[in-house]
Amino acid sequence: MRFFLFITMPIWLTACNAPSRDFRGVAAQQVTVDGSVFDVRIRGERAEAMRVNAQYAPRFGPIRG
């Protein structure tokens, strides 16, 4: 069991903030919005944003409007 965790843990940790296949090699810009910190990658007319700080999931009520 320890061996399994030893092998798989680094894979899980590197996938946490890894860009998707389409955005590999694109430098990230860090953007802060209302206390949330995001890594934003832009390629052409497409963008990918990943929140990088620990934060409780937002409620959907305020988002729906």
N, C-alpha and C. Protein backbone atom coordinates (compact mmCIF):
# COMPACT_ATOMS: atom_id res chain seq x y z
N MET A 1 0.82 -1.19 0.00
CA MET A 1 0.00 0.00 0.00
C MET A 1 0.86 1.26 0.00
N ARG A 2 1.93 1.26 0.79
CA ARG A 2 2.81 2.43 0.82
C ARG A 2 3.45 2.66 -0.54
N PHE A 3 3.84 1.58 -1.18
CA PHE A 3 4.46 1.71 -2.49
C PHE A 3 3.49 2.35 -3.48
N PHE A 4 2.23 1.93 -3.44
CA PHE A 4 1.21 2.50 -4.32
C PHE A 4 1.07 4.00 -4.07
N LEU A 5 1.00 4.41 -2.82
CA LEU A 5 0.89 5.83 -2.49
C LEU A 5 2.14 6.59 -2.91
N PHE A 6 3.30 5.98 -2.71
CA PHE A 6 4.56 6.61 -3.08
C PHE A 6 4.62 6.88 -4.58
N ILE A 7 4.08 5.99 -5.38
CA ILE A 7 4.09 6.15 -6.84
C ILE A 7 3.00 7.10 -7.31
N THR A 8 1.80 6.99 -6.78
CA THR A 8 0.68 7.77 -7.30
C THR A 8 0.57 9.18 -6.74
N MET A 9 1.06 9.44 -5.54
CA MET A 9 0.93 10.77 -4.94
C MET A 9 1.57 11.87 -5.79
N PRO A 10 2.80 11.71 -6.28
CA PRO A 10 3.36 12.77 -7.13
C PRO A 10 2.53 13.03 -8.39
N ILE A 11 1.93 12.01 -8.94
CA ILE A 11 1.09 12.18 -10.13
C ILE A 11 -0.13 13.02 -9.79
N TRP A 12 -0.76 12.73 -8.66
CA TRP A 12 -1.94 13.51 -8.24
C TRP A 12 -1.57 14.96 -7.98
N LEU A 13 -0.43 15.19 -7.34
CA LEU A 13 -0.05 16.55 -6.98
C LEU A 13 0.34 17.38 -8.20
N THR A 14 0.96 16.78 -9.18
CA THR A 14 1.34 17.54 -10.37
C THR A 14 0.14 17.85 -11.24
N ALA A 15 -0.91 17.09 -11.12
CA ALA A 15 -2.11 17.34 -11.93
C ALA A 15 -2.97 18.45 -11.35
N CYS A 16 -2.70 18.88 -10.14
CA CYS A 16 -3.55 19.88 -9.50
C CYS A 16 -3.54 21.22 -10.23
N ASN A 17 -2.38 21.67 -10.67
CA ASN A 17 -2.30 22.97 -11.31
C ASN A 17 -1.66 22.86 -12.69
N ALA A 18 -1.87 21.76 -13.34
CA ALA A 18 -1.30 21.57 -14.67
C ALA A 18 -2.28 22.07 -15.73
N PRO A 19 -1.79 22.80 -16.72
CA PRO A 19 -2.69 23.26 -17.78
C PRO A 19 -3.17 22.09 -18.63
N SER A 20 -4.29 22.29 -19.29
CA SER A 20 -4.79 21.25 -20.18
C SER A 20 -3.87 21.12 -21.39
N ARG A 21 -4.11 20.11 -22.17
CA ARG A 21 -3.24 19.82 -23.32
C ARG A 21 -3.14 21.00 -24.28
N ASP A 22 -4.22 21.71 -24.50
CA ASP A 22 -4.21 22.83 -25.44
C ASP A 22 -3.42 24.03 -24.94
N PHE A 23 -3.17 24.13 -23.63
CA PHE A 23 -2.52 25.30 -23.07
C PHE A 23 -1.13 25.00 -22.51
N ARG A 24 -0.59 23.83 -22.80
CA ARG A 24 0.77 23.52 -22.37
C ARG A 24 1.74 24.45 -23.08
N GLY A 25 2.72 24.93 -22.34
CA GLY A 25 3.72 25.82 -22.92
C GLY A 25 3.32 27.28 -22.90
N VAL A 26 2.10 27.59 -22.49
CA VAL A 26 1.64 28.98 -22.42
C VAL A 26 1.89 29.48 -21.00
N ALA A 27 2.57 30.61 -20.87
CA ALA A 27 2.86 31.16 -19.55
C ALA A 27 1.57 31.66 -18.89
N ALA A 28 1.47 31.42 -17.61
CA ALA A 28 0.27 31.83 -16.87
C ALA A 28 0.46 33.23 -16.30
N GLN A 29 -0.62 34.00 -16.32
CA GLN A 29 -0.66 35.30 -15.65
C GLN A 29 -1.53 35.13 -14.42
N GLN A 30 -1.07 35.63 -13.29
CA GLN A 30 -1.86 35.49 -12.06
C GLN A 30 -2.78 36.70 -11.91
N VAL A 31 -4.07 36.42 -11.71
CA VAL A 31 -5.10 37.45 -11.60
C VAL A 31 -5.84 37.24 -10.29
N THR A 32 -6.12 38.33 -9.57
CA THR A 32 -6.88 38.26 -8.32
C THR A 32 -8.21 38.97 -8.51
N VAL A 33 -9.30 38.28 -8.17
CA VAL A 33 -10.65 38.84 -8.28
C VAL A 33 -11.37 38.57 -6.96
N ASP A 34 -11.69 39.63 -6.24
CA ASP A 34 -12.43 39.52 -4.97
C ASP A 34 -11.83 38.48 -4.03
N GLY A 35 -10.51 38.44 -3.92
CA GLY A 35 -9.85 37.51 -3.02
C GLY A 35 -9.55 36.14 -3.61
N SER A 36 -10.07 35.83 -4.77
CA SER A 36 -9.78 34.57 -5.45
C SER A 36 -8.59 34.78 -6.39
N VAL A 37 -7.62 33.89 -6.33
CA VAL A 37 -6.43 34.01 -7.17
C VAL A 37 -6.49 32.95 -8.26
N PHE A 38 -6.30 33.38 -9.51
CA PHE A 38 -6.39 32.49 -10.66
C PHE A 38 -5.10 32.55 -11.47
N ASP A 39 -4.72 31.41 -12.06
CA ASP A 39 -3.72 31.37 -13.12
C ASP A 39 -4.49 31.37 -14.43
N VAL A 40 -4.25 32.37 -15.27
CA VAL A 40 -4.98 32.51 -16.53
C VAL A 40 -4.00 32.32 -17.68
N ARG A 41 -4.35 31.44 -18.60
CA ARG A 41 -3.55 31.21 -19.80
C ARG A 41 -4.40 31.56 -21.01
N ILE A 42 -3.83 32.29 -21.95
CA ILE A 42 -4.57 32.72 -23.14
C ILE A 42 -3.83 32.25 -24.37
N ARG A 43 -4.55 31.59 -25.26
CA ARG A 43 -4.00 31.15 -26.54
C ARG A 43 -5.03 31.48 -27.61
N GLY A 44 -4.69 32.43 -28.47
CA GLY A 44 -5.63 32.84 -29.52
C GLY A 44 -6.86 33.48 -28.90
N GLU A 45 -8.03 32.98 -29.25
CA GLU A 45 -9.28 33.51 -28.71
C GLU A 45 -9.82 32.68 -27.55
N ARG A 46 -9.02 31.74 -27.06
CA ARG A 46 -9.45 30.87 -25.96
C ARG A 46 -8.64 31.18 -24.71
N ALA A 47 -9.26 30.99 -23.56
CA ALA A 47 -8.58 31.23 -22.29
C ALA A 47 -8.91 30.10 -21.32
N GLU A 48 -7.99 29.85 -20.41
CA GLU A 48 -8.19 28.84 -19.38
C GLU A 48 -7.81 29.48 -18.05
N ALA A 49 -8.70 29.36 -17.06
CA ALA A 49 -8.44 29.92 -15.74
C ALA A 49 -8.56 28.82 -14.70
N MET A 50 -7.60 28.79 -13.77
CA MET A 50 -7.62 27.82 -12.68
C MET A 50 -7.41 28.57 -11.37
N ARG A 51 -8.30 28.35 -10.42
CA ARG A 51 -8.12 28.97 -9.11
C ARG A 51 -6.98 28.26 -8.39
N VAL A 52 -6.06 29.03 -7.82
CA VAL A 52 -4.88 28.45 -7.19
C VAL A 52 -4.84 28.65 -5.68
N ASN A 53 -5.78 29.40 -5.13
CA ASN A 53 -5.82 29.55 -3.67
C ASN A 53 -6.91 28.66 -3.09
N ALA A 54 -6.75 28.33 -1.82
CA ALA A 54 -7.76 27.51 -1.15
C ALA A 54 -8.96 28.39 -0.82
N GLN A 55 -10.12 27.93 -1.21
CA GLN A 55 -11.33 28.71 -0.98
C GLN A 55 -12.52 27.76 -1.02
N TYR A 56 -13.49 28.01 -0.15
CA TYR A 56 -14.69 27.20 -0.13
C TYR A 56 -15.47 27.45 -1.41
N ALA A 57 -16.14 26.44 -1.92
CA ALA A 57 -16.90 26.57 -3.17
C ALA A 57 -17.98 27.65 -3.03
N PRO A 58 -18.15 28.48 -4.05
CA PRO A 58 -19.15 29.55 -3.96
C PRO A 58 -20.57 29.01 -4.05
N ARG A 59 -21.50 29.79 -3.57
CA ARG A 59 -22.92 29.44 -3.72
C ARG A 59 -23.36 29.85 -5.12
N PHE A 60 -24.26 29.09 -5.70
CA PHE A 60 -24.69 29.39 -7.06
C PHE A 60 -25.77 30.46 -7.13
N GLY A 61 -26.43 30.77 -6.03
CA GLY A 61 -27.47 31.79 -6.02
C GLY A 61 -26.99 33.14 -6.53
N PRO A 62 -25.89 33.69 -5.97
CA PRO A 62 -25.40 34.98 -6.46
C PRO A 62 -24.89 34.92 -7.90
N ILE A 63 -24.45 33.75 -8.35
CA ILE A 63 -23.92 33.63 -9.70
C ILE A 63 -25.05 33.66 -10.73
N ARG A 64 -26.17 33.02 -10.40
CA ARG A 64 -27.31 32.97 -11.34
C ARG A 64 -27.93 34.33 -11.58
N GLY A 65 -27.86 35.19 -10.59
CA GLY A 65 -28.38 36.55 -10.76
C GLY A 65 -29.78 36.68 -10.50
